[in-house]
């Protein structure tokens, strides 16, 4: 944890939350524009309904949504709750990462990963795709950052960090690629999207093969639980509306915050220690 003074630790705790909310606001721009092949820089944020540019005081994360009562100030068109959900989710997850890793290079790296996973999740939920700039970009970023910060994989030397990242990448992408191949052979249709394959490869590049195994197990469990819930509640059609990417992202975030401790406990239990 952090070795900062209590005052500075409190400052960075607040900064993590507020900064997360601001990053969440930017992620909303990316979620809307990337699938539409629009620039994420220009033009400035505007209302999708009337096209009016949003003033800075109407673009304050979380707060503006409440003050405006979820409506555009100009045309009164409803503002999707997704905007506030993404901002709040990013804020709380950034806060959790700071409280877990404190004043460590791992904090900003895992915040970057979490931001990418949130972006992938909401794009996938809305468009049923995971853009390559998220997944392939994540693979490249994972390899580069693993060389710069081999502690991501519990290593000291840059070369060992890259090797661990590469093994995680290949384990992640390779495992789901095999599922996709055999699933197509068995069911005569695509059983797994290549976007999911590449996303798990990116997750493995940051988290190693242990993180990949954890992500596969927990995402499968989460998907099963949600599927059973829809069956019990008579909402069978909802099962096909939720792609696999969000389950992978959920499991990867759980790994970032709690997974290593769970993995160590599992290894000790398996070894009888």
Foldseek 3Di string as FASTA:
>chain_A
DAPDDPVVLVVVLVVLLQVQLVLLLLLVLCLPPVVVVHDSPPDADADPPPRHHDDPVCSRAPPNCVVLVQADPPPRHGHDCVSNVSSNVSSVLLSLLCVQPPPDPVSVVVSVVLSLLSSQQSSCLVPVARDCCSLVVLLVVLLVVCLVPVVLAPDDHSVVSNVQLQQQLCLQLVVVVVVQVVVCVVVVDGPADSRNSSNSSSLRSRRGNLLSVQLVVQLVVVLVVVCVVCVVVVNNVVSVSRHSSNSSSVSSSCCSNPVVVVSVVVVCVVVVD
